[in-house]
Structure formats: C-alpha cells, structure tokens
C-alpha atoms as a PDB file:
ATOM      1  CA  MET A   1     -40.001   5.929  37.354  1.00  0.00           C
ATOM      2  CA  ASP A   2     -40.726   2.316  38.287  1.00  0.00           C
ATOM      3  CA  LEU A   3     -38.465   1.013  41.095  1.00  0.00           C
ATOM      4  CA  ASN A   4     -36.918  -1.771  38.982  1.00  0.00           C
ATOM      5  CA  TYR A   5     -36.183   0.603  36.144  1.00  0.00           C
ATOM      6  CA  LYS A   6     -34.799   3.125  38.584  1.00  0.00           C
ATOM      7  CA  GLN A   7     -32.377   0.545  39.986  1.00  0.00           C
ATOM      8  CA  PHE A   8     -31.344  -0.411  36.445  1.00  0.00           C
ATOM      9  CA  PHE A   9     -30.952   3.280  35.561  1.00  0.00           C
ATOM     10  CA  GLU A  10     -28.714   3.862  38.580  1.00  0.00           C
ATOM     11  CA  VAL A  11     -26.305   0.925  38.134  1.00  0.00           C
ATOM     12  CA  MET A  12     -25.875   0.994  34.348  1.00  0.00           C
ATOM     13  CA  PRO A  13     -22.105   0.995  33.467  1.00  0.00           C
ATOM     14  CA  ALA A  14     -22.580   4.109  31.330  1.00  0.00           C
ATOM     15  CA  TYR A  15     -23.516   7.755  31.799  1.00  0.00           C
ATOM     16  CA  LEU A  16     -27.323   8.068  31.659  1.00  0.00           C
ATOM     17  CA  THR A  17     -29.193  11.348  31.648  1.00  0.00           C
ATOM     18  CA  ILE A  18     -32.709  12.455  30.801  1.00  0.00           C
ATOM     19  CA  LEU A  19     -33.044  15.849  29.094  1.00  0.00           C
ATOM     20  CA  ASP A  20     -36.003  18.153  28.588  1.00  0.00           C
ATOM     21  CA  ARG A  21     -36.636  20.190  25.430  1.00  0.00           C
ATOM     22  CA  ASP A  22     -34.355  22.966  26.677  1.00  0.00           C
ATOM     23  CA  LEU A  23     -31.573  20.353  27.019  1.00  0.00           C
ATOM     24  CA  ARG A  24     -31.634  20.644  30.795  1.00  0.00           C
ATOM     25  CA  VAL A  25     -30.617  17.528  32.711  1.00  0.00           C
ATOM     26  CA  ILE A  26     -33.664  16.515  34.741  1.00  0.00           C
ATOM     27  CA  GLN A  27     -32.300  13.170  35.875  1.00  0.00           C
ATOM     28  CA  ALA A  28     -28.869  11.510  35.937  1.00  0.00           C
ATOM     29  CA  ASN A  29     -27.608   8.160  37.154  1.00  0.00           C
ATOM     30  CA  GLN A  30     -25.041   7.505  39.861  1.00  0.00           C
ATOM     31  CA  ARG A  31     -22.041   7.229  37.544  1.00  0.00           C
ATOM     32  CA  PHE A  32     -22.868  10.539  35.857  1.00  0.00           C
ATOM     33  CA  ARG A  33     -23.293  12.343  39.177  1.00  0.00           C
ATOM     34  CA  LYS A  34     -19.976  10.956  40.441  1.00  0.00           C
ATOM     35  CA  ASP A  35     -17.926  12.099  37.425  1.00  0.00           C
ATOM     36  CA  PHE A  36     -19.787  15.252  36.350  1.00  0.00           C
ATOM     37  CA  GLY A  37     -21.159  16.567  39.648  1.00  0.00           C
ATOM     38  CA  ASP A  38     -24.396  18.409  40.402  1.00  0.00           C
ATOM     39  CA  PHE A  39     -26.851  18.578  37.487  1.00  0.00           C
ATOM     40  CA  GLU A  40     -29.874  20.258  39.024  1.00  0.00           C
ATOM     41  CA  GLY A  41     -31.193  22.979  36.696  1.00  0.00           C
ATOM     42  CA  ARG A  42     -28.127  22.838  34.443  1.00  0.00           C
ATOM     43  CA  TYR A  43     -27.879  22.296  30.689  1.00  0.00           C
ATOM     44  CA  CYS A  44     -26.140  19.180  29.366  1.00  0.00           C
ATOM     45  CA  TYR A  45     -23.674  21.224  27.280  1.00  0.00           C
ATOM     46  CA  GLU A  46     -22.844  23.275  30.380  1.00  0.00           C
ATOM     47  CA  ILE A  47     -22.050  20.137  32.380  1.00  0.00           C
ATOM     48  CA  ASN A  48     -20.418  17.964  29.740  1.00  0.00           C
ATOM     49  CA  ARG A  49     -18.599  20.470  27.573  1.00  0.00           C
ATOM     50  CA  HIS A  50     -18.318  23.525  29.846  1.00  0.00           C
ATOM     51  CA  ARG A  51     -20.049  25.571  27.135  1.00  0.00           C
ATOM     52  CA  LYS A  52     -22.544  28.410  27.355  1.00  0.00           C
ATOM     53  CA  GLU A  53     -24.482  27.436  24.244  1.00  0.00           C
ATOM     54  CA  PRO A  54     -25.754  24.176  22.717  1.00  0.00           C
ATOM     55  CA  CYS A  55     -23.302  22.004  20.786  1.00  0.00           C
ATOM     56  CA  GLN A  56     -23.532  21.882  17.024  1.00  0.00           C
ATOM     57  CA  ASN A  57     -25.077  18.687  15.670  1.00  0.00           C
ATOM     58  CA  CYS A  58     -26.509  17.880  19.119  1.00  0.00           C
ATOM     59  CA  PRO A  59     -27.977  14.330  18.982  1.00  0.00           C
ATOM     60  CA  ALA A  60     -30.518  15.102  21.723  1.00  0.00           C
ATOM     61  CA  ALA A  61     -31.836  18.136  19.817  1.00  0.00           C
ATOM     62  CA  ARG A  62     -32.097  16.014  16.662  1.00  0.00           C
ATOM     63  CA  THR A  63     -34.029  13.332  18.528  1.00  0.00           C
ATOM     64  CA  PHE A  64     -36.472  15.975  19.790  1.00  0.00           C
ATOM     65  CA  GLN A  65     -36.934  17.130  16.179  1.00  0.00           C
ATOM     66  CA  ASP A  66     -37.407  13.805  14.393  1.00  0.00           C
ATOM     67  CA  GLY A  67     -38.012  11.275  17.177  1.00  0.00           C
ATOM     68  CA  LEU A  68     -35.251   9.028  15.865  1.00  0.00           C
ATOM     69  CA  ARG A  69     -32.252   7.476  17.604  1.00  0.00           C
ATOM     70  CA  HIS A  70     -28.992   9.351  17.005  1.00  0.00           C
ATOM     71  CA  GLY A  71     -25.371   8.694  17.827  1.00  0.00           C
ATOM     72  CA  ILE A  72     -22.202  10.737  17.927  1.00  0.00           C
ATOM     73  CA  GLU A  73     -18.682  10.565  19.315  1.00  0.00           C
ATOM     74  CA  GLU A  74     -17.821  13.396  21.714  1.00  0.00           C
ATOM     75  CA  GLN A  75     -15.241  14.636  24.201  1.00  0.00           C
ATOM     76  CA  PHE A  76     -16.589  15.368  27.690  1.00  0.00           C
ATOM     77  CA  LYS A  77     -14.798  16.988  30.600  1.00  0.00           C
ATOM     78  CA  LYS A  78     -15.237  15.615  34.123  1.00  0.00           C
ATOM     79  CA  VAL A  79     -15.422  17.783  37.222  1.00  0.00           C
ATOM     80  CA  ASN A  80     -11.749  16.953  37.916  1.00  0.00           C
ATOM     81  CA  GLY A  81     -10.764  18.370  34.533  1.00  0.00           C
ATOM     82  CA  GLN A  82     -10.053  15.016  32.890  1.00  0.00           C
ATOM     83  CA  GLU A  83     -11.269  14.694  29.305  1.00  0.00           C
ATOM     84  CA  VAL A  84     -12.900  11.447  28.232  1.00  0.00           C
ATOM     85  CA  ALA A  85     -13.917  10.156  24.809  1.00  0.00           C
ATOM     86  CA  LEU A  86     -17.526   8.986  24.718  1.00  0.00           C
ATOM     87  CA  ILE A  87     -19.850   7.375  22.224  1.00  0.00           C
ATOM     88  CA  VAL A  88     -23.251   8.970  22.769  1.00  0.00           C
ATOM     89  CA  TYR A  89     -26.691   7.662  21.793  1.00  0.00           C
ATOM     90  CA  THR A  90     -30.022   9.394  22.279  1.00  0.00           C
ATOM     91  CA  THR A  91     -33.547   7.996  22.156  1.00  0.00           C
ATOM     92  CA  ALA A  92     -36.961   9.581  22.573  1.00  0.00           C
ATOM     93  CA  ILE A  93     -39.165   9.173  25.674  1.00  0.00           C
ATOM     94  CA  ARG A  94     -42.839   9.480  24.765  1.00  0.00           C
ATOM     95  CA  ASN A  95     -46.065   9.885  26.724  1.00  0.00           C
ATOM     96  CA  GLU A  96     -49.225   7.835  26.201  1.00  0.00           C
ATOM     97  CA  ALA A  97     -50.226  10.102  23.329  1.00  0.00           C
ATOM     98  CA  GLY A  98     -46.954   9.373  21.543  1.00  0.00           C
ATOM     99  CA  GLU A  99     -45.575  12.868  22.106  1.00  0.00           C
ATOM    100  CA  ILE A 100     -41.863  13.276  22.885  1.00  0.00           C
ATOM    101  CA  THR A 101     -41.597  14.547  26.447  1.00  0.00           C
ATOM    102  CA  ALA A 102     -37.894  13.958  27.067  1.00  0.00           C
ATOM    103  CA  VAL A 103     -34.778  12.344  25.604  1.00  0.00           C
ATOM    104  CA  LEU A 104     -32.679   9.610  27.174  1.00  0.00           C
ATOM    105  CA  LYS A 105     -28.983  10.140  26.549  1.00  0.00           C
ATOM    106  CA  MET A 106     -26.541   7.274  27.079  1.00  0.00           C
ATOM    107  CA  ALA A 107     -22.787   7.893  26.886  1.00  0.00           C
ATOM    108  CA  THR A 108     -20.209   5.075  27.022  1.00  0.00           C
ATOM    109  CA  ASP A 109     -16.587   5.776  27.899  1.00  0.00           C
ATOM    110  CA  ILE A 110     -14.321   4.722  24.996  1.00  0.00           C
ATOM    111  CA  THR A 111     -11.198   6.587  26.143  1.00  0.00           C
ATOM    112  CA  GLU A 112      -9.080   3.434  26.419  1.00  0.00           C
ATOM    113  CA  ILE A 113     -10.290   2.220  23.034  1.00  0.00           C
ATOM    114  CA  LYS A 114      -9.359   5.551  21.451  1.00  0.00           C
ATOM    115  CA  LEU A 115      -5.949   5.371  23.123  1.00  0.00           C
ATOM    116  CA  LEU A 116      -5.378   1.897  21.678  1.00  0.00           C
ATOM    117  CA  GLN A 117      -6.571   3.085  18.263  1.00  0.00           C
ATOM    118  CA  ASN A 118      -4.118   5.988  18.378  1.00  0.00           C
ATOM    119  CA  GLN A 119      -1.287   3.686  19.423  1.00  0.00           C
ATOM    120  CA  LEU A 120      -2.179   1.282  16.602  1.00  0.00           C
ATOM    121  CA  ARG A 121      -2.264   4.126  14.082  1.00  0.00           C
ATOM    122  CA  GLU A 122       1.125   5.393  15.264  1.00  0.00           C
ATOM    123  CA  SER A 123       2.577   1.885  15.036  1.00  0.00           C
ATOM    124  CA  ARG A 124       1.249   1.510  11.510  1.00  0.00           C
ATOM    125  CA  GLU A 125       2.685   4.884  10.520  1.00  0.00           C
ATOM    126  CA  ARG A 126       6.104   3.919  11.919  1.00  0.00           C
ATOM    127  CA  TYR A 127       5.954   0.565  10.125  1.00  0.00           C
ATOM    128  CA  LEU A 128       4.958   2.240   6.858  1.00  0.00           C
ATOM    129  CA  HIS A 129       7.773   4.786   7.158  1.00  0.00           C
ATOM    130  CA  LEU A 130      10.317   2.038   7.848  1.00  0.00           C
ATOM    131  CA  PHE A 131       8.910  -0.127   5.029  1.00  0.00           C
ATOM    132  CA  GLU A 132       9.051   2.739   2.541  1.00  0.00           C
ATOM    133  CA  GLU A 133      12.414   4.253   3.446  1.00  0.00           C
ATOM    134  CA  VAL A 134      14.621   1.257   4.317  1.00  0.00           C
ATOM    135  CA  PRO A 135      17.639   1.245   1.918  1.00  0.00           C
ATOM    136  CA  CYS A 136      16.909  -2.126   0.302  1.00  0.00           C
ATOM    137  CA  TYR A 137      14.281  -3.713  -1.915  1.00  0.00           C
ATOM    138  CA  ILE A 138      11.264  -5.120  -0.059  1.00  0.00           C
ATOM    139  CA  THR A 139       8.289  -7.010  -1.432  1.00  0.00           C
ATOM    140  CA  ILE A 140       5.508  -9.009   0.165  1.00  0.00           C
ATOM    141  CA  GLN A 141       4.380 -11.993  -1.902  1.00  0.00           C
ATOM    142  CA  ASP A 142       1.471 -14.432  -1.771  1.00  0.00           C
ATOM    143  CA  ARG A 143       1.603 -18.184  -2.420  1.00  0.00           C
ATOM    144  CA  ASP A 144       1.352 -17.624  -6.168  1.00  0.00           C
ATOM    145  CA  LEU A 145       4.489 -15.441  -5.953  1.00  0.00           C
ATOM    146  CA  ARG A 146       2.447 -12.360  -6.774  1.00  0.00           C
ATOM    147  CA  ILE A 147       3.731  -9.101  -5.324  1.00  0.00           C
ATOM    148  CA  VAL A 148       1.042  -7.666  -3.052  1.00  0.00           C
ATOM    149  CA  GLU A 149       3.163  -4.843  -1.626  1.00  0.00           C
ATOM    150  CA  ALA A 150       6.470  -3.223  -2.553  1.00  0.00           C
ATOM    151  CA  ASN A 151       8.459  -0.410  -0.969  1.00  0.00           C
ATOM    152  CA  ARG A 152       9.408   2.882  -2.590  1.00  0.00           C
ATOM    153  CA  ARG A 153      12.905   1.874  -3.656  1.00  0.00           C
ATOM    154  CA  PHE A 154      11.612  -1.290  -5.324  1.00  0.00           C
ATOM    155  CA  ARG A 155       8.885   0.640  -7.175  1.00  0.00           C
ATOM    156  CA  GLU A 156      11.400   3.227  -8.373  1.00  0.00           C
ATOM    157  CA  ASP A 157      13.862   0.650  -9.787  1.00  0.00           C
ATOM    158  CA  PHE A 158      11.440  -2.050 -10.948  1.00  0.00           C
ATOM    159  CA  GLY A 159       8.231  -0.115 -11.645  1.00  0.00           C
ATOM    160  CA  GLY A 160       4.616  -0.338 -10.498  1.00  0.00           C
ATOM    161  CA  VAL A 161       4.598  -4.067  -9.948  1.00  0.00           C
ATOM    162  CA  VAL A 162       1.767  -4.895  -7.527  1.00  0.00           C
ATOM    163  CA  GLY A 163      -0.068  -7.923  -8.891  1.00  0.00           C
ATOM    164  CA  SER A 164       2.857  -9.119 -11.012  1.00  0.00           C
ATOM    165  CA  LYS A 165       4.834 -12.313 -10.411  1.00  0.00           C
ATOM    166  CA  CYS A 166       8.185 -11.674  -8.739  1.00  0.00           C
ATOM    167  CA  TYR A 167      10.186 -13.618 -11.345  1.00  0.00           C
ATOM    168  CA  GLN A 168       8.606 -11.536 -14.122  1.00  0.00           C
ATOM    169  CA  VAL A 169       9.675  -8.311 -12.470  1.00  0.00           C
ATOM    170  CA  TYR A 170      13.038  -9.327 -11.004  1.00  0.00           C
ATOM    171  CA  MET A 171      14.298 -11.745 -13.659  1.00  0.00           C
ATOM    172  CA  HIS A 172      12.165 -10.909 -16.700  1.00  0.00           C
ATOM    173  CA  ARG A 173      11.363 -14.621 -16.833  1.00  0.00           C
ATOM    174  CA  SER A 174       8.157 -16.463 -17.679  1.00  0.00           C
ATOM    175  CA  GLU A 175       8.827 -19.327 -15.256  1.00  0.00           C
ATOM    176  CA  GLU A 176       9.551 -19.585 -11.543  1.00  0.00           C
ATOM    177  CA  CYS A 177      13.131 -19.611 -10.320  1.00  0.00           C
ATOM    178  CA  VAL A 178      14.520 -22.928  -9.062  1.00  0.00           C
ATOM    179  CA  PRO A 179      15.213 -22.996  -6.197  1.00  0.00           C
ATOM    180  CA  CYS A 180      12.902 -20.222  -4.937  1.00  0.00           C
ATOM    181  CA  ALA A 181      13.558 -18.847  -1.454  1.00  0.00           C
ATOM    182  CA  VAL A 182       9.988 -17.550  -1.126  1.00  0.00           C
ATOM    183  CA  LYS A 183       8.541 -20.985  -1.948  1.00  0.00           C
ATOM    184  CA  GLU A 184      10.892 -22.607   0.553  1.00  0.00           C
ATOM    185  CA  THR A 185       9.729 -20.203   3.287  1.00  0.00           C
ATOM    186  CA  PHE A 186       6.091 -20.979   2.506  1.00  0.00           C
ATOM    187  CA  GLN A 187       6.925 -24.698   2.815  1.00  0.00           C
ATOM    188  CA  ASP A 188       8.917 -24.746   6.061  1.00  0.00           C
ATOM    189  CA  GLY A 189       8.272 -21.344   7.669  1.00  0.00           C
ATOM    190  CA  GLN A 190      12.005 -20.690   7.985  1.00  0.00           C
ATOM    191  CA  VAL A 191      14.216 -17.791   6.945  1.00  0.00           C
ATOM    192  CA  HIS A 192      16.066 -18.454   3.697  1.00  0.00           C
ATOM    193  CA  GLN A 193      18.885 -16.630   1.955  1.00  0.00           C
ATOM    194  CA  THR A 194      20.189 -16.721  -1.577  1.00  0.00           C
ATOM    195  CA  GLU A 195      22.159 -14.574  -4.003  1.00  0.00           C
ATOM    196  CA  GLU A 196      20.576 -13.605  -7.298  1.00  0.00           C
ATOM    197  CA  VAL A 197      21.266 -11.484 -10.366  1.00  0.00           C
ATOM    198  CA  VAL A 198      18.275  -9.260 -11.115  1.00  0.00           C
ATOM    199  CA  THR A 199      17.507  -6.738 -13.845  1.00  0.00           C
ATOM    200  CA  ALA A 200      16.017  -3.305 -13.146  1.00  0.00           C
ATOM    201  CA  ARG A 201      13.576  -1.703 -15.578  1.00  0.00           C
ATOM    202  CA  SER A 202      16.469   0.458 -16.820  1.00  0.00           C
ATOM    203  CA  GLY A 203      18.175  -2.717 -18.003  1.00  0.00           C
ATOM    204  CA  GLU A 204      20.874  -2.522 -15.339  1.00  0.00           C
ATOM    205  CA  GLN A 205      21.819  -5.859 -13.822  1.00  0.00           C
ATOM    206  CA  MET A 206      22.750  -6.114 -10.179  1.00  0.00           C
ATOM    207  CA  ASN A 207      23.771  -8.729  -7.675  1.00  0.00           C
ATOM    208  CA  VAL A 208      21.416  -8.899  -4.690  1.00  0.00           C
ATOM    209  CA  LEU A 209      21.501 -10.819  -1.432  1.00  0.00           C
ATOM    210  CA  VAL A 210      17.961 -12.073  -0.847  1.00  0.00           C
ATOM    211  CA  SER A 211      16.440 -12.937   2.542  1.00  0.00           C
ATOM    212  CA  THR A 212      12.896 -14.262   3.036  1.00  0.00           C
ATOM    213  CA  ALA A 213      10.780 -14.542   6.191  1.00  0.00           C
ATOM    214  CA  PRO A 214       7.196 -15.675   6.871  1.00  0.00           C
ATOM    215  CA  ILE A 215       4.331 -13.317   7.742  1.00  0.00           C
ATOM    216  CA  ARG A 216       1.800 -15.171   9.880  1.00  0.00           C
ATOM    217  CA  SER A 217      -1.864 -14.636  10.684  1.00  0.00           C
ATOM    218  CA  ALA A 218      -3.201 -14.407  14.244  1.00  0.00           C
ATOM    219  CA  GLU A 219      -3.745 -18.189  14.069  1.00  0.00           C
ATOM    220  CA  GLY A 220      -0.089 -18.784  13.192  1.00  0.00           C
ATOM    221  CA  GLN A 221      -0.703 -19.673   9.544  1.00  0.00           C
ATOM    222  CA  ILE A 222       1.715 -18.324   6.929  1.00  0.00           C
ATOM    223  CA  LYS A 223      -0.331 -15.909   4.855  1.00  0.00           C
ATOM    224  CA  SER A 224       2.513 -14.257   2.914  1.00  0.00           C
ATOM    225  CA  VAL A 225       6.288 -13.947   2.731  1.00  0.00           C
ATOM    226  CA  ILE A 226       8.440 -10.847   2.928  1.00  0.00           C
ATOM    227  CA  GLU A 227      11.450 -10.753   0.630  1.00  0.00           C
ATOM    228  CA  MET A 228      14.286  -8.314   1.318  1.00  0.00           C
ATOM    229  CA  SER A 229      17.006  -7.816  -1.291  1.00  0.00           C
ATOM    230  CA  THR A 230      20.214  -5.858  -0.726  1.00  0.00           C
ATOM    231  CA  ASP A 231      22.268  -4.636  -3.676  1.00  0.00           C
ATOM    232  CA  ILE A 232      25.793  -6.086  -3.290  1.00  0.00           C
ATOM    233  CA  SER A 233      26.955  -5.248  -6.817  1.00  0.00           C
ATOM    234  CA  PRO A 234      29.776  -2.930  -5.590  1.00  0.00           C
ATOM    235  CA  ILE A 235      31.093  -5.741  -3.376  1.00  0.00           C
ATOM    236  CA  ARG A 236      31.051  -8.227  -6.255  1.00  0.00           C
ATOM    237  CA  GLN A 237      32.755  -5.697  -8.546  1.00  0.00           C
ATOM    238  CA  LEU A 238      35.450  -5.124  -5.930  1.00  0.00           C
ATOM    239  CA  GLN A 239      35.953  -8.857  -5.548  1.00  0.00           C
ATOM    240  CA  SER A 240      36.274  -9.189  -9.310  1.00  0.00           C
ATOM    241  CA  GLN A 241      38.820  -6.373  -9.422  1.00  0.00           C
ATOM    242  CA  LEU A 242      40.795  -7.949  -6.579  1.00  0.00           C
ATOM    243  CA  THR A 243      40.755 -11.293  -8.354  1.00  0.00           C
ATOM    244  CA  SER A 244      41.986  -9.672 -11.564  1.00  0.00           C
ATOM    245  CA  LEU A 245      44.677  -7.823  -9.609  1.00  0.00           C
ATOM    246  CA  GLY A 246      45.731 -11.090  -8.002  1.00  0.00           C
ATOM    247  CA  LEU A 247      46.090 -12.733 -11.415  1.00  0.00           C
ATOM    248  CA  VAL A 248      48.156  -9.813 -12.680  1.00  0.00           C
ATOM    249  CA  ILE A 249      50.458  -9.934  -9.639  1.00  0.00           C
ATOM    250  CA  SER A 250      50.776 -13.697 -10.001  1.00  0.00           C
ATOM    251  CA  SER A 251      51.666 -13.328 -13.671  1.00  0.00           C
ATOM    252  CA  ILE A 252      54.269 -10.641 -12.929  1.00  0.00           C
ATOM    253  CA  SER A 253      55.803 -12.744 -10.153  1.00  0.00           C
ATOM    254  CA  HIS A 254      55.988 -15.727 -12.435  1.00  0.00           C
ATOM    255  CA  GLY A 255      57.702 -13.587 -15.133  1.00  0.00           C
ATOM    256  CA  ILE A 256      60.264 -12.244 -12.660  1.00  0.00           C
ATOM    257  CA  LYS A 257      61.087 -15.760 -11.525  1.00  0.00           C
END
C-alpha cells in the first residue's frame, strides 16, 4: 500500500478493514484495532459479531459475487462488550486484470444517531398517545381553517373530518364564524379563548370552551393552529337550573311577603 494511502487508511474516522475471499481480515486501521482487538488470521464475523459462521446477507460476500458496492446497517460488539450500531459499506479491490482480489469494508459508528432516533420515536409515540386520549376535542387547522389532524374523541363525535373546514364540521355552517379564535391566533400568534355552541354528528348540541394556540416551524413561522375544545354543557345546565331555582325562590319569597 502506498505510504500516503496507508496514512489515510490509518487515520480515517471510521472502521476500515480489508477482507479476502474467505472473509478473513487481512488489514485493519488503527481505530478498528483499538476497539475490536487483534485481527490476524480471524474472520470478520468472528471479530465483529462473535459468530462462528458468516452473517446472512453479508455485504462483503455480495461484493465478491457481483463486484458492486453494498451497504447494510449492523450491530457490532467491541472487545469491551459494548455494542455499537454501524452503517457498513463494502467496495471491491481489483488487480490490474480487473479481478476482485479483496474487499474494502468501511463501518461508521451511528450509535448516537440511533439513540436520538429512538428518543424521537418515543417522544412522538408519547405525543400521539396524549393527543389521541386527552379528554377533550383537539384539531389542528391550517390557514384556510381546514382540519389537518383531529384526535380520537373529535373523530368519534364529529366524524372523519380531515380536510373539512372547521365551521362546516363544528357549526354545520357554510361561512366562517365571526369572530374566529383560530384566525385571531394566526394573525397575532397569541392564545385565544371563546365559548361556542357546537353540534355533533348525532345532532346533539353542546357548549364548549375553546382555546387556540399557534404551532410554529423551526424558523418561528406559524404554520398551523391547535384548537382545544372542552365540553362544559353540564356546567351550563347546572347554571341554568340554579338560575331557575333562584327565580322560583324569589317568587315564593315575594308571595310570602
């Protein structure tokens, strides 16, 4: 190996190995030797995976067969027992006659990336669970007041509404509500609250307390608005009953006097 290439091979910030047709490691760079130990006369699957037989879908074996570049994501185990996630690429090394004499295998550590991906997936799952199961009606609306997402409770009481205008679904109207809390949030980026009377697909009317809040892009632009509506019909019914009771008591008191 040329001296310049050898220096490059040694200091590459990835695991580099050269394999023969039997998948024996015949050369390895400094980083590989440090994390995976002695390689002399050993098979790659023996070093990387602590196996006694070749891995299924081995990219190096495929490169020997077809001469093409192959990639795969794998779990390797270091000499200290730590498992790392790697993205592996293989490429053919040919002689002057064009024959494949060896395969260069490059593996890049993506353990931290996989950890972040797992954390992101878990966060999304928690968000989705909260979004779906929260005991109120939630929709996400665009600037045209179209519903782009709705939670389970909303879908159950108002139907499959994605793509519909909120006032069509909530109010069974053909025109926007005035004033509209969602529009106001799009305009000023503030939280707004209002009380509305909405009609479920069953025909039942209910009083809801509506709160809106902006959803912003990474650049800080408002891309949509979340609308949360809480059914306060029992409270309004109780207030009405208390008012009626107050009128009755007032009437009785007046009669006694």
